[in-house]
Amino acid sequence: MSQKSSLYRTIAILKSLNEGKKVSVSQLSKEYEVSSRTIRRDFELIKELFGDFMRKEGESYIAYEKVLLQEILNATDLMTLANIVNLFGLMHKEHLVSEKTQALIDKSMLVYDFKSRPFENMQNIEIIRKVEHAIKFNKEIKMGYKTERTTTYTHFYPYKILFLNENFYLVGVNSGKKQFEFRRISMITEVSYTKFVFNQEGDINAFIQSIQTPWAVFGQSLIEVKIRVIPKAKRFFILKKYLPSQRVTKEYEDGSILVEYSVSNLREIEELIIKWLPQVEIISPRYFKKMLSKNLKRKMRALF
């Protein structure tokens, strides 16, 4: 049997658990021709998405007794599952989601409607599967990458697939240039394995964990950005983190607040500042204020 993607396996495991079946790690490992460690990661993903609704019995897992699917998954969870399935075009091709689950998903759509969707049309399933395999087994790949002008070919150490700003990115190291790079999944035209494997570096993995935007720069010292938000807009910053590093550190007598961010590149925060002008004021670094002013003037001149 050819290897299935982790998304395929995850949905298949969910289906078995929700049918009340006891699912064996070793059996799944043989069925999908992957390591037991890989299957355990699939179970970790299920627990992360849907909570702890199953128990472990030896090397097997089973859903809690007499717990029905609708009691496990709330509407938001169902939308998560629906988006995963639809995103990768599996709903009608693989028939992994039961009629009952599909009915629950359809029912949840009466309450929720998620308008924010990825820009990419993620139909290049074979490329995704190859990238997943290379990431799991630390294989170097040769990758075709199409831009507006040309297609380039790069040898690449793939570390992780990230979902950022409504786009999917492959992140890792350009092994020829020996530098960390972001590559849009939708622009990858072909993937093949080379004969080389690589050892993942701890500092790169740590950086990947801290990435907030596609403009993050590996190896750069963090820049502390402080902005003052007027009272009229402060509730939006209190209710929502626009970047993971966002923290409210002070409230002034007039009701305004001081909000701080840690970024590796000022481009990570520039779009947010522009969006909220004039409700926000840059406190530091001072040069950021001058730089942003120049960028805005240049953009305005380009319009007229």
C-alpha atoms as a PDB file:
ATOM      1  CA  MET A   1       0.000   0.000   0.000  1.00  0.00           C
ATOM      2  CA  SER A   2       1.291   3.445  -0.870  1.00  0.00           C
ATOM      3  CA  GLN A   3       1.713   5.858   1.997  1.00  0.00           C
ATOM      4  CA  LYS A   4      -1.285   8.005   2.846  1.00  0.00           C
ATOM      5  CA  SER A   5      -0.983  11.574   4.058  1.00  0.00           C
ATOM      6  CA  SER A   6      -1.218  12.340   7.762  1.00  0.00           C
ATOM      7  CA  LEU A   7      -4.534  14.124   7.127  1.00  0.00           C
ATOM      8  CA  TYR A   8      -5.930  10.981   5.499  1.00  0.00           C
ATOM      9  CA  ARG A   9      -4.800   8.852   8.442  1.00  0.00           C
ATOM     10  CA  THR A  10      -6.111  11.308  11.036  1.00  0.00           C
ATOM     11  CA  ILE A  11      -9.597  11.362   9.533  1.00  0.00           C
ATOM     12  CA  ALA A  12      -9.609   7.556   9.152  1.00  0.00           C
ATOM     13  CA  ILE A  13      -8.596   7.129  12.810  1.00  0.00           C
ATOM     14  CA  LEU A  14     -11.324   9.564  13.898  1.00  0.00           C
ATOM     15  CA  LYS A  15     -13.885   7.589  11.920  1.00  0.00           C
ATOM     16  CA  SER A  16     -12.837   4.305  13.571  1.00  0.00           C
ATOM     17  CA  LEU A  17     -12.867   5.807  17.074  1.00  0.00           C
ATOM     18  CA  ASN A  18     -16.304   7.324  16.543  1.00  0.00           C
ATOM     19  CA  GLU A  19     -17.600   3.910  15.412  1.00  0.00           C
ATOM     20  CA  GLY A  20     -16.529   2.531  18.804  1.00  0.00           C
ATOM     21  CA  LYS A  21     -13.605   0.518  17.457  1.00  0.00           C
ATOM     22  CA  LYS A  22     -10.415  -0.132  19.411  1.00  0.00           C
ATOM     23  CA  VAL A  23      -7.545   1.237  17.309  1.00  0.00           C
ATOM     24  CA  SER A  24      -4.097  -0.348  17.562  1.00  0.00           C
ATOM     25  CA  VAL A  25      -0.917   1.662  17.004  1.00  0.00           C
ATOM     26  CA  SER A  26       1.032  -1.316  15.616  1.00  0.00           C
ATOM     27  CA  GLN A  27      -1.834  -2.326  13.324  1.00  0.00           C
ATOM     28  CA  LEU A  28      -2.107   1.192  11.903  1.00  0.00           C
ATOM     29  CA  SER A  29       1.678   1.349  11.543  1.00  0.00           C
ATOM     30  CA  LYS A  30       1.622  -1.770   9.352  1.00  0.00           C
ATOM     31  CA  GLU A  31      -1.476  -0.698   7.431  1.00  0.00           C
ATOM     32  CA  TYR A  32      -0.066   2.703   6.462  1.00  0.00           C
ATOM     33  CA  GLU A  33       3.601   1.614   6.286  1.00  0.00           C
ATOM     34  CA  VAL A  34       4.811   4.264   8.731  1.00  0.00           C
ATOM     35  CA  SER A  35       6.509   4.101  12.121  1.00  0.00           C
ATOM     36  CA  SER A  36       4.643   3.669  15.411  1.00  0.00           C
ATOM     37  CA  ARG A  37       5.990   7.077  16.395  1.00  0.00           C
ATOM     38  CA  THR A  38       4.244   8.626  13.379  1.00  0.00           C
ATOM     39  CA  ILE A  39       0.924   7.014  14.360  1.00  0.00           C
ATOM     40  CA  ARG A  40       1.302   8.297  17.930  1.00  0.00           C
ATOM     41  CA  ARG A  41       1.767  11.794  16.515  1.00  0.00           C
ATOM     42  CA  ASP A  42      -1.532  11.328  14.662  1.00  0.00           C
ATOM     43  CA  PHE A  43      -3.244  10.582  17.980  1.00  0.00           C
ATOM     44  CA  GLU A  44      -1.583  13.632  19.546  1.00  0.00           C
ATOM     45  CA  LEU A  45      -3.005  15.783  16.729  1.00  0.00           C
ATOM     46  CA  ILE A  46      -6.487  14.345  17.302  1.00  0.00           C
ATOM     47  CA  LYS A  47      -6.267  15.120  21.027  1.00  0.00           C
ATOM     48  CA  GLU A  48      -5.008  18.636  20.275  1.00  0.00           C
ATOM     49  CA  LEU A  49      -7.913  19.343  17.893  1.00  0.00           C
ATOM     50  CA  PHE A  50     -10.787  17.612  19.667  1.00  0.00           C
ATOM     51  CA  GLY A  51      -9.783  17.165  23.300  1.00  0.00           C
ATOM     52  CA  ASP A  52      -9.252  14.077  25.436  1.00  0.00           C
ATOM     53  CA  PHE A  53     -12.252  11.923  24.468  1.00  0.00           C
ATOM     54  CA  MET A  54     -10.363   8.608  24.224  1.00  0.00           C
ATOM     55  CA  ARG A  55      -8.484   6.362  26.607  1.00  0.00           C
ATOM     56  CA  LYS A  56      -5.371   4.247  26.085  1.00  0.00           C
ATOM     57  CA  GLU A  57      -5.452   0.490  26.599  1.00  0.00           C
ATOM     58  CA  GLY A  58      -1.963  -0.918  26.145  1.00  0.00           C
ATOM     59  CA  GLU A  59      -0.904   0.182  22.680  1.00  0.00           C
ATOM     60  CA  SER A  60      -4.492   0.769  21.575  1.00  0.00           C
ATOM     61  CA  TYR A  61      -6.942   3.653  21.872  1.00  0.00           C
ATOM     62  CA  ILE A  62     -10.717   3.612  22.224  1.00  0.00           C
ATOM     63  CA  ALA A  63     -13.293   6.393  22.605  1.00  0.00           C
ATOM     64  CA  TYR A  64     -14.999   6.632  25.978  1.00  0.00           C
ATOM     65  CA  GLU A  65     -17.863   4.161  26.293  1.00  0.00           C
ATOM     66  CA  LYS A  66     -21.289   5.340  25.119  1.00  0.00           C
ATOM     67  CA  VAL A  67     -19.948   8.703  23.944  1.00  0.00           C
ATOM     68  CA  LEU A  68     -21.523   9.618  20.614  1.00  0.00           C
ATOM     69  CA  LEU A  69     -19.870  11.749  17.981  1.00  0.00           C
ATOM     70  CA  GLN A  70     -22.117  14.727  18.573  1.00  0.00           C
ATOM     71  CA  GLU A  71     -21.146  14.657  22.261  1.00  0.00           C
ATOM     72  CA  ILE A  72     -17.455  14.715  21.363  1.00  0.00           C
ATOM     73  CA  LEU A  73     -17.401  17.403  18.722  1.00  0.00           C
ATOM     74  CA  ASN A  74     -18.992  20.803  19.124  1.00  0.00           C
ATOM     75  CA  ALA A  75     -19.857  22.983  16.150  1.00  0.00           C
ATOM     76  CA  THR A  76     -16.453  24.686  16.086  1.00  0.00           C
ATOM     77  CA  ASP A  77     -14.655  21.321  16.129  1.00  0.00           C
ATOM     78  CA  LEU A  78     -16.843  20.113  13.288  1.00  0.00           C
ATOM     79  CA  MET A  79     -15.964  23.196  11.268  1.00  0.00           C
ATOM     80  CA  THR A  80     -12.282  22.489  11.900  1.00  0.00           C
ATOM     81  CA  LEU A  81     -12.725  18.959  10.591  1.00  0.00           C
ATOM     82  CA  ALA A  82     -14.820  20.181   7.652  1.00  0.00           C
ATOM     83  CA  ASN A  83     -12.196  22.743   6.653  1.00  0.00           C
ATOM     84  CA  ILE A  84      -9.396  20.171   6.853  1.00  0.00           C
ATOM     85  CA  VAL A  85     -11.307  17.698   4.705  1.00  0.00           C
ATOM     86  CA  ASN A  86     -12.562  20.209   2.142  1.00  0.00           C
ATOM     87  CA  LEU A  87      -9.251  22.033   1.979  1.00  0.00           C
ATOM     88  CA  PHE A  88      -7.427  18.975   0.720  1.00  0.00           C
ATOM     89  CA  GLY A  89     -10.240  17.760  -1.524  1.00  0.00           C
ATOM     90  CA  LEU A  90     -10.873  14.564   0.437  1.00  0.00           C
ATOM     91  CA  MET A  91     -14.584  14.787   1.108  1.00  0.00           C
ATOM     92  CA  HIS A  92     -15.829  13.137  -2.066  1.00  0.00           C
ATOM     93  CA  LYS A  93     -12.669  11.358  -3.192  1.00  0.00           C
ATOM     94  CA  GLU A  94     -11.857   9.368  -0.084  1.00  0.00           C
ATOM     95  CA  HIS A  95     -15.278   8.929   1.567  1.00  0.00           C
ATOM     96  CA  LEU A  96     -13.655   8.976   4.988  1.00  0.00           C
ATOM     97  CA  VAL A  97     -16.338  11.040   6.674  1.00  0.00           C
ATOM     98  CA  SER A  98     -19.506   9.132   7.484  1.00  0.00           C
ATOM     99  CA  GLU A  99     -22.958  10.369   6.521  1.00  0.00           C
ATOM    100  CA  LYS A 100     -23.640  11.021  10.197  1.00  0.00           C
ATOM    101  CA  THR A 101     -20.536  13.176  10.561  1.00  0.00           C
ATOM    102  CA  GLN A 102     -21.344  15.020   7.337  1.00  0.00           C
ATOM    103  CA  ALA A 103     -24.849  15.693   8.623  1.00  0.00           C
ATOM    104  CA  LEU A 104     -23.419  17.166  11.813  1.00  0.00           C
ATOM    105  CA  ILE A 105     -21.025  19.328   9.807  1.00  0.00           C
ATOM    106  CA  ASP A 106     -23.917  20.568   7.662  1.00  0.00           C
ATOM    107  CA  LYS A 107     -25.933  21.286  10.804  1.00  0.00           C
ATOM    108  CA  SER A 108     -23.075  23.287  12.324  1.00  0.00           C
ATOM    109  CA  MET A 109     -23.002  25.417   9.169  1.00  0.00           C
ATOM    110  CA  LEU A 110     -26.412  26.743  10.167  1.00  0.00           C
ATOM    111  CA  VAL A 111     -24.756  28.385  13.179  1.00  0.00           C
ATOM    112  CA  TYR A 112     -21.215  29.129  11.964  1.00  0.00           C
ATOM    113  CA  ASP A 113     -19.933  30.505   8.680  1.00  0.00           C
ATOM    114  CA  PHE A 114     -16.157  30.828   8.478  1.00  0.00           C
ATOM    115  CA  LYS A 115     -15.349  33.464   5.862  1.00  0.00           C
ATOM    116  CA  SER A 116     -11.587  33.456   6.320  1.00  0.00           C
ATOM    117  CA  ARG A 117     -10.238  30.722   4.060  1.00  0.00           C
ATOM    118  CA  PRO A 118      -6.813  29.898   2.577  1.00  0.00           C
ATOM    119  CA  PHE A 119      -5.963  31.570  -0.708  1.00  0.00           C
ATOM    120  CA  GLU A 120      -4.367  28.444  -2.141  1.00  0.00           C
ATOM    121  CA  ASN A 121      -6.270  25.791  -3.997  1.00  0.00           C
ATOM    122  CA  MET A 122      -4.669  22.861  -2.181  1.00  0.00           C
ATOM    123  CA  GLN A 123      -5.229  20.197  -4.822  1.00  0.00           C
ATOM    124  CA  ASN A 124      -1.579  19.197  -5.369  1.00  0.00           C
ATOM    125  CA  ILE A 125      -2.053  16.278  -2.974  1.00  0.00           C
ATOM    126  CA  GLU A 126       0.886  14.236  -4.300  1.00  0.00           C
ATOM    127  CA  ILE A 127       3.303  17.103  -3.648  1.00  0.00           C
ATOM    128  CA  ILE A 128       1.915  17.551  -0.128  1.00  0.00           C
ATOM    129  CA  ARG A 129       2.340  13.842   0.602  1.00  0.00           C
ATOM    130  CA  LYS A 130       5.941  13.901  -0.591  1.00  0.00           C
ATOM    131  CA  VAL A 131       6.708  16.959   1.530  1.00  0.00           C
ATOM    132  CA  GLU A 132       5.068  15.354   4.589  1.00  0.00           C
ATOM    133  CA  HIS A 133       7.159  12.214   4.071  1.00  0.00           C
ATOM    134  CA  ALA A 134      10.369  14.225   3.697  1.00  0.00           C
ATOM    135  CA  ILE A 135       9.651  16.186   6.886  1.00  0.00           C
ATOM    136  CA  LYS A 136       8.973  13.034   8.913  1.00  0.00           C
ATOM    137  CA  PHE A 137      12.121  11.239   7.778  1.00  0.00           C
ATOM    138  CA  ASN A 138      14.459  14.265   7.474  1.00  0.00           C
ATOM    139  CA  LYS A 139      14.965  13.767   3.741  1.00  0.00           C
ATOM    140  CA  GLU A 140      16.458  16.458   1.535  1.00  0.00           C
ATOM    141  CA  ILE A 141      14.231  17.302  -1.427  1.00  0.00           C
ATOM    142  CA  LYS A 142      14.743  18.873  -4.822  1.00  0.00           C
ATOM    143  CA  MET A 143      11.914  21.326  -5.297  1.00  0.00           C
ATOM    144  CA  GLY A 144      10.554  23.132  -8.338  1.00  0.00           C
ATOM    145  CA  TYR A 145       9.212  26.568  -7.396  1.00  0.00           C
ATOM    146  CA  LYS A 146       7.268  28.767  -9.819  1.00  0.00           C
ATOM    147  CA  THR A 147       7.182  32.539  -9.498  1.00  0.00           C
ATOM    148  CA  GLU A 148       5.690  35.078 -11.920  1.00  0.00           C
ATOM    149  CA  ARG A 149       8.887  35.172 -13.986  1.00  0.00           C
ATOM    150  CA  THR A 150      10.444  31.721 -13.846  1.00  0.00           C
ATOM    151  CA  THR A 151      10.647  28.292 -12.228  1.00  0.00           C
ATOM    152  CA  THR A 152      13.688  27.644 -10.065  1.00  0.00           C
ATOM    153  CA  TYR A 153      14.983  24.369  -8.643  1.00  0.00           C
ATOM    154  CA  THR A 154      16.307  24.233  -5.107  1.00  0.00           C
ATOM    155  CA  HIS A 155      17.731  21.591  -2.787  1.00  0.00           C
ATOM    156  CA  PHE A 156      15.889  22.015   0.498  1.00  0.00           C
ATOM    157  CA  TYR A 157      15.805  20.633   4.046  1.00  0.00           C
ATOM    158  CA  PRO A 158      12.064  20.687   4.914  1.00  0.00           C
ATOM    159  CA  TYR A 159      11.239  21.248   8.595  1.00  0.00           C
ATOM    160  CA  LYS A 160       7.553  22.095   8.842  1.00  0.00           C
ATOM    161  CA  ILE A 161       4.399  23.170   6.971  1.00  0.00           C
ATOM    162  CA  LEU A 162       2.985  26.357   8.516  1.00  0.00           C
ATOM    163  CA  PHE A 163      -0.358  28.087   8.028  1.00  0.00           C
ATOM    164  CA  LEU A 164       0.262  31.841   8.198  1.00  0.00           C
ATOM    165  CA  ASN A 165      -1.815  34.799   6.990  1.00  0.00           C
ATOM    166  CA  GLU A 166      -4.255  32.439   5.261  1.00  0.00           C
ATOM    167  CA  ASN A 167      -1.503  30.744   3.244  1.00  0.00           C
ATOM    168  CA  PHE A 168       0.424  27.492   3.618  1.00  0.00           C
ATOM    169  CA  TYR A 169       4.219  27.682   3.732  1.00  0.00           C
ATOM    170  CA  LEU A 170       6.964  25.092   3.709  1.00  0.00           C
ATOM    171  CA  VAL A 171       9.754  26.306   5.980  1.00  0.00           C
ATOM    172  CA  GLY A 172      13.264  24.979   6.214  1.00  0.00           C
ATOM    173  CA  VAL A 173      16.794  25.439   4.954  1.00  0.00           C
ATOM    174  CA  ASN A 174      17.901  26.072   1.379  1.00  0.00           C
ATOM    175  CA  SER A 175      20.751  23.555   1.511  1.00  0.00           C
ATOM    176  CA  GLY A 176      22.634  25.231  -1.348  1.00  0.00           C
ATOM    177  CA  LYS A 177      22.600  28.716   0.169  1.00  0.00           C
ATOM    178  CA  LYS A 178      22.496  27.395   3.766  1.00  0.00           C
ATOM    179  CA  GLN A 179      19.786  29.855   4.753  1.00  0.00           C
ATOM    180  CA  PHE A 180      16.323  29.598   6.289  1.00  0.00           C
ATOM    181  CA  GLU A 181      13.475  30.234   3.840  1.00  0.00           C
ATOM    182  CA  PHE A 182       9.688  30.338   3.507  1.00  0.00           C
ATOM    183  CA  ARG A 183       8.185  28.720   0.379  1.00  0.00           C
ATOM    184  CA  ARG A 184       4.495  28.993  -0.551  1.00  0.00           C
ATOM    185  CA  ILE A 185       3.074  25.485  -0.951  1.00  0.00           C
ATOM    186  CA  SER A 186       0.855  26.569  -3.855  1.00  0.00           C
ATOM    187  CA  MET A 187       3.922  27.638  -5.841  1.00  0.00           C
ATOM    188  CA  ILE A 188       5.739  24.295  -5.518  1.00  0.00           C
ATOM    189  CA  THR A 189       5.465  22.549  -8.879  1.00  0.00           C
ATOM    190  CA  GLU A 190       7.340  19.316  -8.180  1.00  0.00           C
ATOM    191  CA  VAL A 191       9.160  17.484  -5.414  1.00  0.00           C
ATOM    192  CA  SER A 192      11.673  14.638  -5.567  1.00  0.00           C
ATOM    193  CA  TYR A 193      13.864  13.059  -2.896  1.00  0.00           C
ATOM    194  CA  THR A 194      17.641  13.268  -3.057  1.00  0.00           C
ATOM    195  CA  LYS A 195      19.880  10.575  -1.548  1.00  0.00           C
ATOM    196  CA  PHE A 196      20.720  12.771   1.449  1.00  0.00           C
ATOM    197  CA  VAL A 197      19.173  13.050   4.901  1.00  0.00           C
ATOM    198  CA  PHE A 198      19.758  15.852   7.385  1.00  0.00           C
ATOM    199  CA  ASN A 199      19.778  16.414  11.126  1.00  0.00           C
ATOM    200  CA  GLN A 200      17.333  19.013  12.364  1.00  0.00           C
ATOM    201  CA  GLU A 201      18.946  21.853  14.291  1.00  0.00           C
ATOM    202  CA  GLY A 202      17.520  22.869  17.653  1.00  0.00           C
ATOM    203  CA  ASP A 203      17.843  26.610  17.069  1.00  0.00           C
ATOM    204  CA  ILE A 204      15.886  26.343  13.814  1.00  0.00           C
ATOM    205  CA  ASN A 205      13.130  24.331  15.486  1.00  0.00           C
ATOM    206  CA  ALA A 206      12.981  26.905  18.278  1.00  0.00           C
ATOM    207  CA  PHE A 207      12.706  29.694  15.705  1.00  0.00           C
ATOM    208  CA  ILE A 208       9.892  27.870  13.878  1.00  0.00           C
ATOM    209  CA  GLN A 209       7.977  27.628  17.153  1.00  0.00           C
ATOM    210  CA  SER A 210       8.287  31.410  17.590  1.00  0.00           C
ATOM    211  CA  ILE A 211       7.313  32.415  14.024  1.00  0.00           C
ATOM    212  CA  GLN A 212       4.445  34.910  13.936  1.00  0.00           C
ATOM    213  CA  THR A 213       4.380  36.004  10.293  1.00  0.00           C
ATOM    214  CA  PRO A 214       5.957  35.058   6.933  1.00  0.00           C
ATOM    215  CA  TRP A 215       8.292  38.061   7.345  1.00  0.00           C
ATOM    216  CA  ALA A 216      10.098  36.605  10.357  1.00  0.00           C
ATOM    217  CA  VAL A 217      13.886  36.478   9.894  1.00  0.00           C
ATOM    218  CA  PHE A 218      15.978  33.652  11.329  1.00  0.00           C
ATOM    219  CA  GLY A 219      19.017  34.636  13.352  1.00  0.00           C
ATOM    220  CA  GLN A 220      17.955  38.232  14.003  1.00  0.00           C
ATOM    221  CA  SER A 221      17.793  39.703  17.492  1.00  0.00           C
ATOM    222  CA  LEU A 222      14.251  40.494  18.550  1.00  0.00           C
ATOM    223  CA  ILE A 223      13.050  44.091  18.286  1.00  0.00           C
ATOM    224  CA  GLU A 224      10.777  45.341  21.036  1.00  0.00           C
ATOM    225  CA  VAL A 225       7.981  47.480  19.581  1.00  0.00           C
ATOM    226  CA  LYS A 226       5.767  49.609  21.847  1.00  0.00           C
ATOM    227  CA  ILE A 227       2.579  51.329  20.712  1.00  0.00           C
ATOM    228  CA  ARG A 228       0.032  53.430  22.557  1.00  0.00           C
ATOM    229  CA  VAL A 229      -3.599  52.648  21.743  1.00  0.00           C
ATOM    230  CA  ILE A 230      -6.288  55.281  22.337  1.00  0.00           C
ATOM    231  CA  PRO A 231      -9.254  54.418  24.640  1.00  0.00           C
ATOM    232  CA  LYS A 232     -11.667  54.141  21.721  1.00  0.00           C
ATOM    233  CA  ALA A 233      -9.705  51.243  20.186  1.00  0.00           C
ATOM    234  CA  LYS A 234      -8.154  49.573  23.227  1.00  0.00           C
ATOM    235  CA  ARG A 235     -10.900  46.967  23.652  1.00  0.00           C
ATOM    236  CA  PHE A 236      -9.971  45.411  20.330  1.00  0.00           C
ATOM    237  CA  PHE A 237      -6.387  44.858  21.491  1.00  0.00           C
ATOM    238  CA  ILE A 238      -7.558  43.508  24.842  1.00  0.00           C
ATOM    239  CA  LEU A 239      -9.964  41.039  23.232  1.00  0.00           C
ATOM    240  CA  LYS A 240      -7.671  39.842  20.460  1.00  0.00           C
ATOM    241  CA  LYS A 241      -3.968  39.081  20.087  1.00  0.00           C
ATOM    242  CA  TYR A 242      -2.931  40.362  16.679  1.00  0.00           C
ATOM    243  CA  LEU A 243       0.433  38.635  17.073  1.00  0.00           C
ATOM    244  CA  PRO A 244       1.282  35.856  19.557  1.00  0.00           C
ATOM    245  CA  SER A 245       3.872  38.080  21.268  1.00  0.00           C
ATOM    246  CA  GLN A 246       1.322  40.847  21.961  1.00  0.00           C
ATOM    247  CA  ARG A 247       1.047  41.936  25.590  1.00  0.00           C
ATOM    248  CA  VAL A 248      -0.678  44.871  27.266  1.00  0.00           C
ATOM    249  CA  THR A 249       1.806  46.257  29.787  1.00  0.00           C
ATOM    250  CA  LYS A 250       0.318  49.546  31.007  1.00  0.00           C
ATOM    251  CA  GLU A 251      -2.888  51.542  31.244  1.00  0.00           C
ATOM    252  CA  TYR A 252      -2.592  55.330  31.278  1.00  0.00           C
ATOM    253  CA  GLU A 253      -4.740  57.775  33.257  1.00  0.00           C
ATOM    254  CA  ASP A 254      -6.589  58.825  30.107  1.00  0.00           C
ATOM    255  CA  GLY A 255      -7.657  55.203  29.486  1.00  0.00           C
ATOM    256  CA  SER A 256      -5.208  54.475  26.678  1.00  0.00           C
ATOM    257  CA  ILE A 257      -2.990  51.386  26.900  1.00  0.00           C
ATOM    258  CA  LEU A 258       0.604  50.463  26.104  1.00  0.00           C
ATOM    259  CA  VAL A 259       0.880  47.374  23.905  1.00  0.00           C
ATOM    260  CA  GLU A 260       4.202  45.634  23.247  1.00  0.00           C
ATOM    261  CA  TYR A 261       5.384  43.165  20.596  1.00  0.00           C
ATOM    262  CA  SER A 262       8.586  41.214  20.017  1.00  0.00           C
ATOM    263  CA  VAL A 263       9.461  40.828  16.325  1.00  0.00           C
ATOM    264  CA  SER A 264      12.499  39.792  14.308  1.00  0.00           C
ATOM    265  CA  ASN A 265      11.611  42.139  11.443  1.00  0.00           C
ATOM    266  CA  LEU A 266       9.633  45.383  11.559  1.00  0.00           C
ATOM    267  CA  ARG A 267       7.669  44.250   8.501  1.00  0.00           C
ATOM    268  CA  GLU A 268       5.933  41.813  10.845  1.00  0.00           C
ATOM    269  CA  ILE A 269       4.196  44.681  12.640  1.00  0.00           C
ATOM    270  CA  GLU A 270       4.031  47.345   9.904  1.00  0.00           C
ATOM    271  CA  GLU A 271       0.745  46.200   8.346  1.00  0.00           C
ATOM    272  CA  LEU A 272      -0.975  46.115  11.746  1.00  0.00           C
ATOM    273  CA  ILE A 273       0.173  49.656  12.608  1.00  0.00           C
ATOM    274  CA  ILE A 274      -1.026  51.025   9.263  1.00  0.00           C
ATOM    275  CA  LYS A 275      -4.382  49.294   9.713  1.00  0.00           C
ATOM    276  CA  TRP A 276      -4.990  51.009  13.058  1.00  0.00           C
ATOM    277  CA  LEU A 277      -3.750  54.518  12.247  1.00  0.00           C
ATOM    278  CA  PRO A 278      -4.573  57.048  13.693  1.00  0.00           C
ATOM    279  CA  GLN A 279      -5.824  55.123  16.753  1.00  0.00           C
ATOM    280  CA  VAL A 280      -2.298  54.006  17.619  1.00  0.00           C
ATOM    281  CA  GLU A 281       0.982  55.843  18.190  1.00  0.00           C
ATOM    282  CA  ILE A 282       4.453  54.295  17.905  1.00  0.00           C
ATOM    283  CA  ILE A 283       6.369  54.831  21.136  1.00  0.00           C
ATOM    284  CA  SER A 284       9.495  52.819  20.295  1.00  0.00           C
ATOM    285  CA  PRO A 285      11.727  52.205  18.555  1.00  0.00           C
ATOM    286  CA  ARG A 286      11.844  55.807  17.386  1.00  0.00           C
ATOM    287  CA  TYR A 287      13.430  54.956  14.044  1.00  0.00           C
ATOM    288  CA  PHE A 288      10.428  52.733  13.242  1.00  0.00           C
ATOM    289  CA  LYS A 289       8.175  55.785  13.305  1.00  0.00           C
ATOM    290  CA  LYS A 290      10.409  57.595  10.798  1.00  0.00           C
ATOM    291  CA  MET A 291      10.753  54.511   8.627  1.00  0.00           C
ATOM    292  CA  LEU A 292       6.990  53.948   8.529  1.00  0.00           C
ATOM    293  CA  SER A 293       6.374  57.602   7.660  1.00  0.00           C
ATOM    294  CA  LYS A 294       8.768  57.351   4.690  1.00  0.00           C
ATOM    295  CA  ASN A 295       7.132  54.120   3.493  1.00  0.00           C
ATOM    296  CA  LEU A 296       3.664  55.667   3.644  1.00  0.00           C
ATOM    297  CA  LYS A 297       4.783  58.761   1.735  1.00  0.00           C
ATOM    298  CA  ARG A 298       6.402  56.600  -0.925  1.00  0.00           C
ATOM    299  CA  LYS A 299       3.215  54.551  -1.322  1.00  0.00           C
ATOM    300  CA  MET A 300       1.105  57.694  -1.557  1.00  0.00           C
ATOM    301  CA  ARG A 301       3.361  59.107  -4.293  1.00  0.00           C
ATOM    302  CA  ALA A 302       2.969  55.855  -6.227  1.00  0.00           C
ATOM    303  CA  LEU A 303      -0.816  56.297  -6.203  1.00  0.00           C
ATOM    304  CA  PHE A 304      -0.832  59.755  -7.735  1.00  0.00           C
END
